[in-house]
Amino acid sequence: MATPTGILELVESFNRNRDAYLSGAYNETQLRREFVDPFFEVLGWDMFNKLGYAEAYKDVIHLWEIIFISVTSRLR
């Protein structure tokens, strides 16, 4: 099986800007939006529920869980 064109384009894009991506200024959200999500789209996943499926039938469910721990509450 040949490598899909979209995957080759993602690899080329990464190689062109490699230094910027490895600099430490490039964050996880940027990585996901520019490489991970498009990677899975090329493989046929409906990353953004373009088909309008109900939650139980989506290919991908994005989790946006953030946990905050108060430093002052730990000092008490």
PDB file of N, CA and C in Angstrom:
ATOM      1  N   MET A   1       0.843  -1.178   0.000  1.00  0.00           N
ATOM      2  CA  MET A   1       0.000   0.000   0.000  1.00  0.00           C
ATOM      3  C   MET A   1       0.890   1.244   0.000  1.00  0.00           C
ATOM      4  N   ALA A   2       0.620   2.153  -0.883  1.00  0.00           N
ATOM      5  CA  ALA A   2       1.384   3.393  -0.971  1.00  0.00           C
ATOM      6  C   ALA A   2       0.971   4.354   0.142  1.00  0.00           C
ATOM      7  N   THR A   3       1.899   5.187   0.546  1.00  0.00           N
ATOM      8  CA  THR A   3       1.613   6.185   1.568  1.00  0.00           C
ATOM      9  C   THR A   3       0.681   7.242   0.983  1.00  0.00           C
ATOM     10  N   PRO A   4      -0.423   7.549   1.675  1.00  0.00           N
ATOM     11  CA  PRO A   4      -1.347   8.563   1.165  1.00  0.00           C
ATOM     12  C   PRO A   4      -0.660   9.925   0.988  1.00  0.00           C
ATOM     13  N   THR A   5      -1.052  10.641  -0.053  1.00  0.00           N
ATOM     14  CA  THR A   5      -0.468  11.943  -0.364  1.00  0.00           C
ATOM     15  C   THR A   5      -0.560  12.906   0.822  1.00  0.00           C
ATOM     16  N   GLY A   6      -1.699  12.898   1.521  1.00  0.00           N
ATOM     17  CA  GLY A   6      -1.877  13.788   2.669  1.00  0.00           C
ATOM     18  C   GLY A   6      -0.852  13.546   3.765  1.00  0.00           C
ATOM     19  N   ILE A   7      -0.482  12.299   3.979  1.00  0.00           N
ATOM     20  CA  ILE A   7       0.536  11.966   4.983  1.00  0.00           C
ATOM     21  C   ILE A   7       1.891  12.492   4.530  1.00  0.00           C
ATOM     22  N   LEU A   8       2.207  12.304   3.262  1.00  0.00           N
ATOM     23  CA  LEU A   8       3.473  12.818   2.731  1.00  0.00           C
ATOM     24  C   LEU A   8       3.550  14.338   2.852  1.00  0.00           C
ATOM     25  N   GLU A   9       2.433  15.015   2.635  1.00  0.00           N
ATOM     26  CA  GLU A   9       2.397  16.474   2.772  1.00  0.00           C
ATOM     27  C   GLU A   9       2.627  16.902   4.218  1.00  0.00           C
ATOM     28  N   LEU A  10       2.049  16.171   5.169  1.00  0.00           N
ATOM     29  CA  LEU A  10       2.266  16.478   6.587  1.00  0.00           C
ATOM     30  C   LEU A  10       3.734  16.301   6.959  1.00  0.00           C
ATOM     31  N   VAL A  11       4.355  15.236   6.463  1.00  0.00           N
ATOM     32  CA  VAL A  11       5.773  14.982   6.742  1.00  0.00           C
ATOM     33  C   VAL A  11       6.635  16.089   6.147  1.00  0.00           C
ATOM     34  N   GLU A  12       6.327  16.493   4.921  1.00  0.00           N
ATOM     35  CA  GLU A  12       7.088  17.576   4.283  1.00  0.00           C
ATOM     36  C   GLU A  12       6.945  18.878   5.054  1.00  0.00           C
ATOM     37  N   SER A  13       5.738  19.178   5.487  1.00  0.00           N
ATOM     38  CA  SER A  13       5.493  20.393   6.268  1.00  0.00           C
ATOM     39  C   SER A  13       6.292  20.367   7.565  1.00  0.00           C
ATOM     40  N   PHE A  14       6.272  19.219   8.243  1.00  0.00           N
ATOM     41  CA  PHE A  14       7.051  19.111   9.481  1.00  0.00           C
ATOM     42  C   PHE A  14       8.535  19.320   9.207  1.00  0.00           C
ATOM     43  N   ASN A  15       9.062  18.684   8.186  1.00  0.00           N
ATOM     44  CA  ASN A  15      10.486  18.798   7.879  1.00  0.00           C
ATOM     45  C   ASN A  15      10.888  20.223   7.519  1.00  0.00           C
ATOM     46  N   ARG A  16      10.026  20.959   6.815  1.00  0.00           N
ATOM     47  CA  ARG A  16      10.327  22.348   6.449  1.00  0.00           C
ATOM     48  C   ARG A  16      10.449  23.244   7.669  1.00  0.00           C
ATOM     49  N   ASN A  17       9.662  22.961   8.699  1.00  0.00           N
ATOM     50  CA  ASN A  17       9.605  23.831   9.882  1.00  0.00           C
ATOM     51  C   ASN A  17      10.075  23.133  11.150  1.00  0.00           C
ATOM     52  N   ARG A  18      10.849  22.112  10.999  1.00  0.00           N
ATOM     53  CA  ARG A  18      11.292  21.261  12.102  1.00  0.00           C
ATOM     54  C   ARG A  18      11.866  22.042  13.288  1.00  0.00           C
ATOM     55  N   ASP A  19      12.738  22.983  13.015  1.00  0.00           N
ATOM     56  CA  ASP A  19      13.372  23.752  14.105  1.00  0.00           C
ATOM     57  C   ASP A  19      12.332  24.484  14.958  1.00  0.00           C
ATOM     58  N   ALA A  20      11.343  25.071  14.312  1.00  0.00           N
ATOM     59  CA  ALA A  20      10.303  25.784  15.058  1.00  0.00           C
ATOM     60  C   ALA A  20       9.491  24.816  15.918  1.00  0.00           C
ATOM     61  N   TYR A  21       9.174  23.643  15.359  1.00  0.00           N
ATOM     62  CA  TYR A  21       8.367  22.678  16.097  1.00  0.00           C
ATOM     63  C   TYR A  21       9.103  22.089  17.296  1.00  0.00           C
ATOM     64  N   LEU A  22      10.402  21.996  17.201  1.00  0.00           N
ATOM     65  CA  LEU A  22      11.201  21.418  18.291  1.00  0.00           C
ATOM     66  C   LEU A  22      11.757  22.466  19.248  1.00  0.00           C
ATOM     67  N   SER A  23      11.422  23.727  19.041  1.00  0.00           N
ATOM     68  CA  SER A  23      12.000  24.824  19.828  1.00  0.00           C
ATOM     69  C   SER A  23      11.467  24.908  21.252  1.00  0.00           C
ATOM     70  N   GLY A  24      10.331  24.308  21.514  1.00  0.00           N
ATOM     71  CA  GLY A  24       9.733  24.416  22.846  1.00  0.00           C
ATOM     72  C   GLY A  24       8.609  25.441  22.878  1.00  0.00           C
ATOM     73  N   ALA A  25       8.538  26.316  21.872  1.00  0.00           N
ATOM     74  CA  ALA A  25       7.480  27.315  21.807  1.00  0.00           C
ATOM     75  C   ALA A  25       6.219  26.748  21.158  1.00  0.00           C
ATOM     76  N   TYR A  26       6.349  25.628  20.490  1.00  0.00           N
ATOM     77  CA  TYR A  26       5.237  24.972  19.794  1.00  0.00           C
ATOM     78  C   TYR A  26       4.506  24.091  20.791  1.00  0.00           C
ATOM     79  N   ASN A  27       3.219  24.342  21.009  1.00  0.00           N
ATOM     80  CA  ASN A  27       2.529  23.630  22.087  1.00  0.00           C
ATOM     81  C   ASN A  27       1.687  22.454  21.597  1.00  0.00           C
ATOM     82  N   GLU A  28       1.127  21.737  22.534  1.00  0.00           N
ATOM     83  CA  GLU A  28       0.368  20.510  22.248  1.00  0.00           C
ATOM     84  C   GLU A  28      -0.865  20.781  21.386  1.00  0.00           C
ATOM     85  N   THR A  29      -1.550  21.885  21.653  1.00  0.00           N
ATOM     86  CA  THR A  29      -2.740  22.216  20.877  1.00  0.00           C
ATOM     87  C   THR A  29      -2.376  22.487  19.426  1.00  0.00           C
ATOM     88  N   GLN A  30      -1.299  23.226  19.199  1.00  0.00           N
ATOM     89  CA  GLN A  30      -0.842  23.489  17.838  1.00  0.00           C
ATOM     90  C   GLN A  30      -0.494  22.182  17.127  1.00  0.00           C
ATOM     91  N   LEU A  31       0.204  21.312  17.807  1.00  0.00           N
ATOM     92  CA  LEU A  31       0.576  20.015  17.242  1.00  0.00           C
ATOM     93  C   LEU A  31      -0.665  19.220  16.825  1.00  0.00           C
ATOM     94  N   ARG A  32      -1.632  19.157  17.729  1.00  0.00           N
ATOM     95  CA  ARG A  32      -2.850  18.400  17.446  1.00  0.00           C
ATOM     96  C   ARG A  32      -3.592  18.972  16.249  1.00  0.00           C
ATOM     97  N   ARG A  33      -3.751  20.303  16.211  1.00  0.00           N
ATOM     98  CA  ARG A  33      -4.526  20.934  15.138  1.00  0.00           C
ATOM     99  C   ARG A  33      -3.818  20.870  13.786  1.00  0.00           C
ATOM    100  N   GLU A  34      -2.500  20.989  13.778  1.00  0.00           N
ATOM    101  CA  GLU A  34      -1.769  21.047  12.517  1.00  0.00           C
ATOM    102  C   GLU A  34      -1.300  19.694  11.997  1.00  0.00           C
ATOM    103  N   PHE A  35      -1.161  18.707  12.895  1.00  0.00           N
ATOM    104  CA  PHE A  35      -0.635  17.419  12.454  1.00  0.00           C
ATOM    105  C   PHE A  35      -1.485  16.217  12.845  1.00  0.00           C
ATOM    106  N   VAL A  36      -1.872  16.108  14.094  1.00  0.00           N
ATOM    107  CA  VAL A  36      -2.565  14.901  14.552  1.00  0.00           C
ATOM    108  C   VAL A  36      -3.964  14.793  13.939  1.00  0.00           C
ATOM    109  N   ASP A  37      -4.773  15.866  14.054  1.00  0.00           N
ATOM    110  CA  ASP A  37      -6.115  15.826  13.475  1.00  0.00           C
ATOM    111  C   ASP A  37      -6.079  15.605  11.965  1.00  0.00           C
ATOM    112  N   PRO A  38      -5.251  16.356  11.217  1.00  0.00           N
ATOM    113  CA  PRO A  38      -5.183  16.102   9.772  1.00  0.00           C
ATOM    114  C   PRO A  38      -4.697  14.689   9.426  1.00  0.00           C
ATOM    115  N   PHE A  39      -3.788  14.140  10.230  1.00  0.00           N
ATOM    116  CA  PHE A  39      -3.301  12.780  10.015  1.00  0.00           C
ATOM    117  C   PHE A  39      -4.463  11.785  10.032  1.00  0.00           C
ATOM    118  N   PHE A  40      -5.293  11.892  11.066  1.00  0.00           N
ATOM    119  CA  PHE A  40      -6.410  10.957  11.179  1.00  0.00           C
ATOM    120  C   PHE A  40      -7.490  11.228  10.131  1.00  0.00           C
ATOM    121  N   GLU A  41      -7.644  12.485   9.718  1.00  0.00           N
ATOM    122  CA  GLU A  41      -8.585  12.786   8.630  1.00  0.00           C
ATOM    123  C   GLU A  41      -8.155  12.100   7.337  1.00  0.00           C
ATOM    124  N   VAL A  42      -6.852  12.134   7.048  1.00  0.00           N
ATOM    125  CA  VAL A  42      -6.331  11.455   5.853  1.00  0.00           C
ATOM    126  C   VAL A  42      -6.643   9.965   5.918  1.00  0.00           C
ATOM    127  N   LEU A  43      -6.615   9.403   7.117  1.00  0.00           N
ATOM    128  CA  LEU A  43      -6.902   7.972   7.284  1.00  0.00           C
ATOM    129  C   LEU A  43      -8.397   7.663   7.270  1.00  0.00           C
ATOM    130  N   GLY A  44      -9.226   8.710   7.118  1.00  0.00           N
ATOM    131  CA  GLY A  44     -10.661   8.501   6.974  1.00  0.00           C
ATOM    132  C   GLY A  44     -11.504   8.751   8.205  1.00  0.00           C
ATOM    133  N   TRP A  45     -10.905   9.222   9.289  1.00  0.00           N
ATOM    134  CA  TRP A  45     -11.665   9.495  10.499  1.00  0.00           C
ATOM    135  C   TRP A  45     -12.420  10.815  10.332  1.00  0.00           C
ATOM    136  N   ASP A  46     -13.625  10.900  10.870  1.00  0.00           N
ATOM    137  CA  ASP A  46     -14.420  12.133  10.865  1.00  0.00           C
ATOM    138  C   ASP A  46     -14.063  12.906  12.140  1.00  0.00           C
ATOM    139  N   MET A  47     -12.975  13.654  12.088  1.00  0.00           N
ATOM    140  CA  MET A  47     -12.428  14.320  13.273  1.00  0.00           C
ATOM    141  C   MET A  47     -13.338  15.416  13.826  1.00  0.00           C
ATOM    142  N   PHE A  48     -14.169  16.017  12.987  1.00  0.00           N
ATOM    143  CA  PHE A  48     -14.981  17.154  13.420  1.00  0.00           C
ATOM    144  C   PHE A  48     -16.482  16.890  13.273  1.00  0.00           C
ATOM    145  N   ASN A  49     -16.836  15.616  13.208  1.00  0.00           N
ATOM    146  CA  ASN A  49     -18.234  15.189  13.112  1.00  0.00           C
ATOM    147  C   ASN A  49     -18.966  15.902  11.978  1.00  0.00           C
ATOM    148  N   LYS A  50     -18.345  15.947  10.823  1.00  0.00           N
ATOM    149  CA  LYS A  50     -18.953  16.572   9.644  1.00  0.00           C
ATOM    150  C   LYS A  50     -20.237  15.854   9.225  1.00  0.00           C
ATOM    151  N   LEU A  51     -20.363  14.595   9.606  1.00  0.00           N
ATOM    152  CA  LEU A  51     -21.555  13.820   9.256  1.00  0.00           C
ATOM    153  C   LEU A  51     -22.716  14.055  10.217  1.00  0.00           C
ATOM    154  N   GLY A  52     -22.452  14.776  11.314  1.00  0.00           N
ATOM    155  CA  GLY A  52     -23.503  15.149  12.252  1.00  0.00           C
ATOM    156  C   GLY A  52     -24.044  14.027  13.109  1.00  0.00           C
ATOM    157  N   TYR A  53     -23.212  13.043  13.414  1.00  0.00           N
ATOM    158  CA  TYR A  53     -23.659  11.923  14.243  1.00  0.00           C
ATOM    159  C   TYR A  53     -23.915  12.357  15.685  1.00  0.00           C
ATOM    160  N   ALA A  54     -24.801  11.620  16.354  1.00  0.00           N
ATOM    161  CA  ALA A  54     -25.025  11.815  17.783  1.00  0.00           C
ATOM    162  C   ALA A  54     -23.757  11.423  18.535  1.00  0.00           C
ATOM    163  N   GLU A  55     -23.611  11.919  19.734  1.00  0.00           N
ATOM    164  CA  GLU A  55     -22.407  11.709  20.550  1.00  0.00           C
ATOM    165  C   GLU A  55     -21.979  10.242  20.599  1.00  0.00           C
ATOM    166  N   ALA A  56     -22.923   9.345  20.741  1.00  0.00           N
ATOM    167  CA  ALA A  56     -22.607   7.919  20.889  1.00  0.00           C
ATOM    168  C   ALA A  56     -22.031   7.299  19.617  1.00  0.00           C
ATOM    169  N   TYR A  57     -22.200   7.958  18.477  1.00  0.00           N
ATOM    170  CA  TYR A  57     -21.782   7.369  17.200  1.00  0.00           C
ATOM    171  C   TYR A  57     -20.627   8.108  16.520  1.00  0.00           C
ATOM    172  N   LYS A  58     -20.090   9.120  17.158  1.00  0.00           N
ATOM    173  CA  LYS A  58     -18.992   9.892  16.576  1.00  0.00           C
ATOM    174  C   LYS A  58     -17.730   9.045  16.473  1.00  0.00           C
ATOM    175  N   ASP A  59     -16.925   9.316  15.432  1.00  0.00           N
ATOM    176  CA  ASP A  59     -15.613   8.667  15.318  1.00  0.00           C
ATOM    177  C   ASP A  59     -14.685   9.149  16.419  1.00  0.00           C
ATOM    178  N   VAL A  60     -14.797  10.436  16.777  1.00  0.00           N
ATOM    179  CA  VAL A  60     -13.874  11.059  17.733  1.00  0.00           C
ATOM    180  C   VAL A  60     -14.670  11.891  18.726  1.00  0.00           C
ATOM    181  N   ILE A  61     -14.338  11.753  19.980  1.00  0.00           N
ATOM    182  CA  ILE A  61     -14.920  12.587  21.025  1.00  0.00           C
ATOM    183  C   ILE A  61     -13.772  13.358  21.667  1.00  0.00           C
ATOM    184  N   HIS A  62     -13.814  14.680  21.523  1.00  0.00           N
ATOM    185  CA  HIS A  62     -12.744  15.530  22.064  1.00  0.00           C
ATOM    186  C   HIS A  62     -12.995  15.775  23.551  1.00  0.00           C
ATOM    187  N   LEU A  63     -11.981  15.563  24.342  1.00  0.00           N
ATOM    188  CA  LEU A  63     -12.078  15.799  25.780  1.00  0.00           C
ATOM    189  C   LEU A  63     -11.348  17.092  26.123  1.00  0.00           C
ATOM    190  N   TRP A  64     -12.010  17.973  26.814  1.00  0.00           N
ATOM    191  CA  TRP A  64     -11.428  19.263  27.178  1.00  0.00           C
ATOM    192  C   TRP A  64     -11.413  19.389  28.692  1.00  0.00           C
ATOM    193  N   GLU A  65     -10.816  18.455  29.344  1.00  0.00           N
ATOM    194  CA  GLU A  65     -10.817  18.404  30.790  1.00  0.00           C
ATOM    195  C   GLU A  65      -9.593  19.135  31.333  1.00  0.00           C
ATOM    196  N   ILE A  66      -9.846  20.119  32.166  1.00  0.00           N
ATOM    197  CA  ILE A  66      -8.757  20.860  32.798  1.00  0.00           C
ATOM    198  C   ILE A  66      -8.983  20.799  34.305  1.00  0.00           C
ATOM    199  N   ILE A  67      -7.941  20.454  35.014  1.00  0.00           N
ATOM    200  CA  ILE A  67      -8.042  20.350  36.467  1.00  0.00           C
ATOM    201  C   ILE A  67      -7.140  21.410  37.086  1.00  0.00           C
ATOM    202  N   PHE A  68      -7.726  22.254  37.926  1.00  0.00           N
ATOM    203  CA  PHE A  68      -6.970  23.289  38.614  1.00  0.00           C
ATOM    204  C   PHE A  68      -6.836  22.906  40.086  1.00  0.00           C
ATOM    205  N   ILE A  69      -5.639  23.015  40.596  1.00  0.00           N
ATOM    206  CA  ILE A  69      -5.397  22.756  42.012  1.00  0.00           C
ATOM    207  C   ILE A  69      -4.865  24.050  42.619  1.00  0.00           C
ATOM    208  N   SER A  70      -5.540  24.525  43.590  1.00  0.00           N
ATOM    209  CA  SER A  70      -5.150  25.765  44.247  1.00  0.00           C
ATOM    210  C   SER A  70      -3.912  25.518  45.109  1.00  0.00           C
ATOM    211  N   VAL A  71      -2.894  26.328  44.907  1.00  0.00           N
ATOM    212  CA  VAL A  71      -1.682  26.206  45.711  1.00  0.00           C
ATOM    213  C   VAL A  71      -1.989  26.567  47.149  1.00  0.00           C
ATOM    214  N   THR A  72      -2.818  27.562  47.382  1.00  0.00           N
ATOM    215  CA  THR A  72      -3.125  27.956  48.756  1.00  0.00           C
ATOM    216  C   THR A  72      -3.879  26.859  49.508  1.00  0.00           C
ATOM    217  N   SER A  73      -4.709  26.091  48.823  1.00  0.00           N
ATOM    218  CA  SER A  73      -5.441  25.034  49.517  1.00  0.00           C
ATOM    219  C   SER A  73      -4.493  23.915  49.954  1.00  0.00           C
ATOM    220  N   ARG A  74      -3.385  23.765  49.271  1.00  0.00           N
ATOM    221  CA  ARG A  74      -2.418  22.726  49.642  1.00  0.00           C
ATOM    222  C   ARG A  74      -1.574  23.169  50.847  1.00  0.00           C
ATOM    223  N   LEU A  75      -1.496  24.477  51.067  1.00  0.00           N
ATOM    224  CA  LEU A  75      -0.664  24.979  52.165  1.00  0.00           C
ATOM    225  C   LEU A  75      -1.396  24.967  53.505  1.00  0.00           C
ATOM    226  N   ARG A  76      -2.680  24.743  53.484  1.00  0.00           N
ATOM    227  CA  ARG A  76      -3.468  24.787  54.736  1.00  0.00           C
ATOM    228  C   ARG A  76      -3.342  23.537  55.526  1.00  0.00           C
TER     229      ARG A  76
END
